[in-house]
C-alpha atoms as a PDB file:
ATOM      1  CA  PHE A   1     -19.224  -8.025  12.189  1.00  0.00           C
ATOM      2  CA  VAL A   2     -17.163  -5.803   9.892  1.00  0.00           C
ATOM      3  CA  GLY A   3     -16.838  -8.036   6.841  1.00  0.00           C
ATOM      4  CA  THR A   4     -13.213  -9.051   6.357  1.00  0.00           C
ATOM      5  CA  HIS A   5     -10.241 -10.022   8.478  1.00  0.00           C
ATOM      6  CA  ASP A   6      -8.428  -6.911   7.207  1.00  0.00           C
ATOM      7  CA  ALA A   7     -11.320  -4.767   8.443  1.00  0.00           C
ATOM      8  CA  VAL A   8     -11.208  -6.472  11.860  1.00  0.00           C
ATOM      9  CA  ALA A   9      -7.524  -5.601  12.254  1.00  0.00           C
ATOM     10  CA  VAL A  10      -8.026  -2.005  11.112  1.00  0.00           C
ATOM     11  CA  ASN A  11     -11.079  -1.429  13.334  1.00  0.00           C
ATOM     12  CA  VAL A  12      -9.342  -2.788  16.440  1.00  0.00           C
ATOM     13  CA  ALA A  13      -6.117  -0.870  15.724  1.00  0.00           C
ATOM     14  CA  ASN A  14      -8.073   2.365  15.152  1.00  0.00           C
ATOM     15  CA  GLY A  15     -10.092   1.946  18.357  1.00  0.00           C
ATOM     16  CA  ASN A  16     -13.406   1.401  16.554  1.00  0.00           C
ATOM     17  CA  ALA A  17     -13.723  -2.075  18.107  1.00  0.00           C
ATOM     18  CA  ASP A  18     -12.589  -3.395  21.464  1.00  0.00           C
ATOM     19  CA  ALA A  19     -11.623  -6.823  20.140  1.00  0.00           C
ATOM     20  CA  GLY A  20     -11.797  -9.038  17.095  1.00  0.00           C
ATOM     21  CA  GLY A  21     -10.721 -12.374  15.732  1.00  0.00           C
ATOM     22  CA  LEU A  22      -8.696 -12.997  12.612  1.00  0.00           C
ATOM     23  CA  SER A  23      -6.056 -15.151  11.019  1.00  0.00           C
ATOM     24  CA  GLU A  24      -2.510 -14.535  12.219  1.00  0.00           C
ATOM     25  CA  VAL A  25      -1.290 -14.720   8.620  1.00  0.00           C
ATOM     26  CA  ILE A  26      -3.717 -11.972   7.607  1.00  0.00           C
ATOM     27  CA  PHE A  27      -2.821  -9.886  10.667  1.00  0.00           C
ATOM     28  CA  ASN A  28       0.865 -10.063   9.728  1.00  0.00           C
ATOM     29  CA  HIS A  29       0.082  -9.242   6.094  1.00  0.00           C
ATOM     30  CA  VAL A  30      -2.011  -6.199   7.077  1.00  0.00           C
ATOM     31  CA  ALA A  31       0.811  -5.006   9.349  1.00  0.00           C
ATOM     32  CA  GLU A  32       3.436  -5.526   6.622  1.00  0.00           C
ATOM     33  CA  ARG A  33       1.327  -3.453   4.212  1.00  0.00           C
ATOM     34  CA  GLY A  34       1.259  -0.645   6.778  1.00  0.00           C
ATOM     35  CA  LEU A  35      -2.521  -0.702   7.213  1.00  0.00           C
ATOM     36  CA  ILE A  36      -2.167  -1.070  10.982  1.00  0.00           C
ATOM     37  CA  ASP A  37       0.422  -0.396  13.653  1.00  0.00           C
ATOM     38  CA  PRO A  38       0.848  -3.739  15.456  1.00  0.00           C
ATOM     39  CA  SER A  39       1.844  -1.915  18.637  1.00  0.00           C
ATOM     40  CA  LYS A  40      -1.736  -0.573  18.835  1.00  0.00           C
ATOM     41  CA  VAL A  41      -3.210  -4.031  19.430  1.00  0.00           C
ATOM     42  CA  LYS A  42      -2.663  -6.810  21.951  1.00  0.00           C
ATOM     43  CA  VAL A  43      -2.978 -10.475  21.026  1.00  0.00           C
ATOM     44  CA  LEU A  44      -5.223 -12.099  23.618  1.00  0.00           C
ATOM     45  CA  GLY A  45      -4.768 -15.685  22.507  1.00  0.00           C
ATOM     46  CA  TYR A  46      -4.515 -18.213  19.736  1.00  0.00           C
ATOM     47  CA  SER A  47      -6.877 -20.973  18.699  1.00  0.00           C
ATOM     48  CA  GLY A  48      -5.782 -24.433  17.730  1.00  0.00           C
ATOM     49  CA  GLU A  49      -4.916 -24.873  14.086  1.00  0.00           C
ATOM     50  CA  TYR A  50      -7.802 -25.611  11.771  1.00  0.00           C
ATOM     51  CA  PRO A  51      -8.301 -25.982   8.016  1.00  0.00           C
ATOM     52  CA  GLN A  52      -8.678 -22.705   6.196  1.00  0.00           C
ATOM     53  CA  TYR A  53     -10.056 -21.852   2.783  1.00  0.00           C
ATOM     54  CA  PRO A  54     -11.308 -25.319   1.852  1.00  0.00           C
ATOM     55  CA  TRP A  55     -11.806 -26.289  -1.746  1.00  0.00           C
ATOM     56  CA  ALA A  56     -14.896 -28.437  -2.125  1.00  0.00           C
ATOM     57  CA  MET A  57     -16.464 -30.625  -4.801  1.00  0.00           C
ATOM     58  CA  ARG A  58     -20.044 -31.613  -5.492  1.00  0.00           C
ATOM     59  CA  SER A  59     -20.950 -34.768  -3.618  1.00  0.00           C
ATOM     60  CA  ASN A  60     -22.343 -36.443  -6.752  1.00  0.00           C
ATOM     61  CA  LEU A  61     -19.034 -36.422  -8.663  1.00  0.00           C
ATOM     62  CA  SER A  62     -17.538 -39.836  -9.290  1.00  0.00           C
ATOM     63  CA  PRO A  63     -15.074 -41.021  -6.640  1.00  0.00           C
ATOM     64  CA  GLU A  64     -12.418 -41.364  -9.351  1.00  0.00           C
ATOM     65  CA  LEU A  65     -12.790 -37.721 -10.419  1.00  0.00           C
ATOM     66  CA  LYS A  66     -12.741 -36.543  -6.800  1.00  0.00           C
ATOM     67  CA  THR A  67      -9.513 -38.464  -6.221  1.00  0.00           C
ATOM     68  CA  LYS A  68      -7.910 -36.984  -9.352  1.00  0.00           C
ATOM     69  CA  VAL A  69      -8.870 -33.412  -8.414  1.00  0.00           C
ATOM     70  CA  ARG A  70      -7.676 -33.873  -4.817  1.00  0.00           C
ATOM     71  CA  ASP A  71      -4.393 -35.415  -5.990  1.00  0.00           C
ATOM     72  CA  VAL A  72      -3.746 -32.503  -8.364  1.00  0.00           C
ATOM     73  CA  PHE A  73      -4.201 -29.930  -5.587  1.00  0.00           C
ATOM     74  CA  VAL A  74      -2.163 -31.886  -3.033  1.00  0.00           C
ATOM     75  CA  GLY A  75       0.579 -32.405  -5.626  1.00  0.00           C
ATOM     76  CA  ILE A  76       1.073 -28.711  -6.433  1.00  0.00           C
ATOM     77  CA  ASP A  77       4.602 -27.789  -5.415  1.00  0.00           C
ATOM     78  CA  ASP A  78       5.442 -24.986  -7.852  1.00  0.00           C
ATOM     79  CA  PRO A  79       6.146 -21.901  -5.686  1.00  0.00           C
ATOM     80  CA  GLU A  80       4.695 -19.520  -8.295  1.00  0.00           C
ATOM     81  CA  VAL A  81       1.450 -21.465  -8.562  1.00  0.00           C
ATOM     82  CA  LEU A  82       1.170 -21.668  -4.768  1.00  0.00           C
ATOM     83  CA  ARG A  83       1.890 -17.938  -4.481  1.00  0.00           C
ATOM     84  CA  ASN A  84      -1.035 -17.230  -6.827  1.00  0.00           C
ATOM     85  CA  PHE A  85      -3.253 -19.148  -4.401  1.00  0.00           C
ATOM     86  CA  LYS A  86      -1.581 -17.339  -1.473  1.00  0.00           C
ATOM     87  CA  ALA A  87      -0.807 -20.815  -0.147  1.00  0.00           C
ATOM     88  CA  GLU A  88       2.208 -22.730   1.071  1.00  0.00           C
ATOM     89  CA  ALA A  89       0.658 -26.075   0.161  1.00  0.00           C
ATOM     90  CA  PHE A  90      -2.609 -27.963  -0.116  1.00  0.00           C
ATOM     91  CA  ALA A  91      -3.435 -30.866   2.186  1.00  0.00           C
ATOM     92  CA  PRO A  92      -6.307 -33.340   2.278  1.00  0.00           C
ATOM     93  CA  ILE A  93      -8.649 -32.962   5.240  1.00  0.00           C
ATOM     94  CA  THR A  94     -11.486 -34.863   6.854  1.00  0.00           C
ATOM     95  CA  ASP A  95     -14.656 -33.713   8.546  1.00  0.00           C
ATOM     96  CA  ALA A  96     -13.011 -34.366  11.924  1.00  0.00           C
ATOM     97  CA  ASP A  97     -10.437 -31.659  11.136  1.00  0.00           C
ATOM     98  CA  TYR A  98     -13.256 -29.140  11.664  1.00  0.00           C
ATOM     99  CA  ASP A  99     -13.993 -30.324  15.221  1.00  0.00           C
ATOM    100  CA  VAL A 100     -11.865 -27.454  16.565  1.00  0.00           C
ATOM    101  CA  ILE A 101     -14.287 -25.000  14.914  1.00  0.00           C
ATOM    102  CA  ARG A 102     -17.292 -26.859  16.298  1.00  0.00           C
ATOM    103  CA  ASN A 103     -15.701 -26.740  19.750  1.00  0.00           C
ATOM    104  CA  MET A 104     -15.068 -22.982  19.444  1.00  0.00           C
ATOM    105  CA  GLY A 105     -18.690 -22.520  18.408  1.00  0.00           C
ATOM    106  CA  SER A 106     -19.893 -24.474  21.430  1.00  0.00           C
ATOM    107  CA  LEU A 107     -17.734 -22.363  23.747  1.00  0.00           C
ATOM    108  CA  LEU A 108     -19.317 -19.256  22.226  1.00  0.00           C
ATOM    109  CA  GLY A 109     -22.847 -20.660  22.449  1.00  0.00           C
ATOM    110  CA  LEU A 110     -23.283 -20.743  18.674  1.00  0.00           C
ATOM    111  CA  ASP A 111     -25.691 -23.088  16.923  1.00  0.00           C
ATOM    112  CA  PHE A 112     -24.182 -23.665  13.487  1.00  0.00           C
ATOM    113  CA  ALA A 113     -27.372 -25.384  12.311  1.00  0.00           C
ATOM    114  CA  THR A 114     -29.237 -22.073  12.552  1.00  0.00           C
ATOM    115  CA  MET A 115     -26.565 -19.888  11.009  1.00  0.00           C
END
């Protein structure tokens, strides 16, 4: 574990790690900034898409307030505002959208309850 996705890319590209996992968007951004030479790494595979960077609310907020907050985020379409979030858009998700992560954890023998 090296801390950040940027650090994963740099450590693999510099030969300090044999392999690592990170977001393709972050990999491309690190390459565009010149922090790594993409020719020094080989992509081994891609996971299925899964929700990233979730925004969460306290469970004891009123349903009406939760709906209003969710609707504001989902309704953001101003490119400058989205750029400040480093996002293309916001989308509502459900717990089932995280099943791909649970499945990856199972394949790796991880017990999320103990982490």
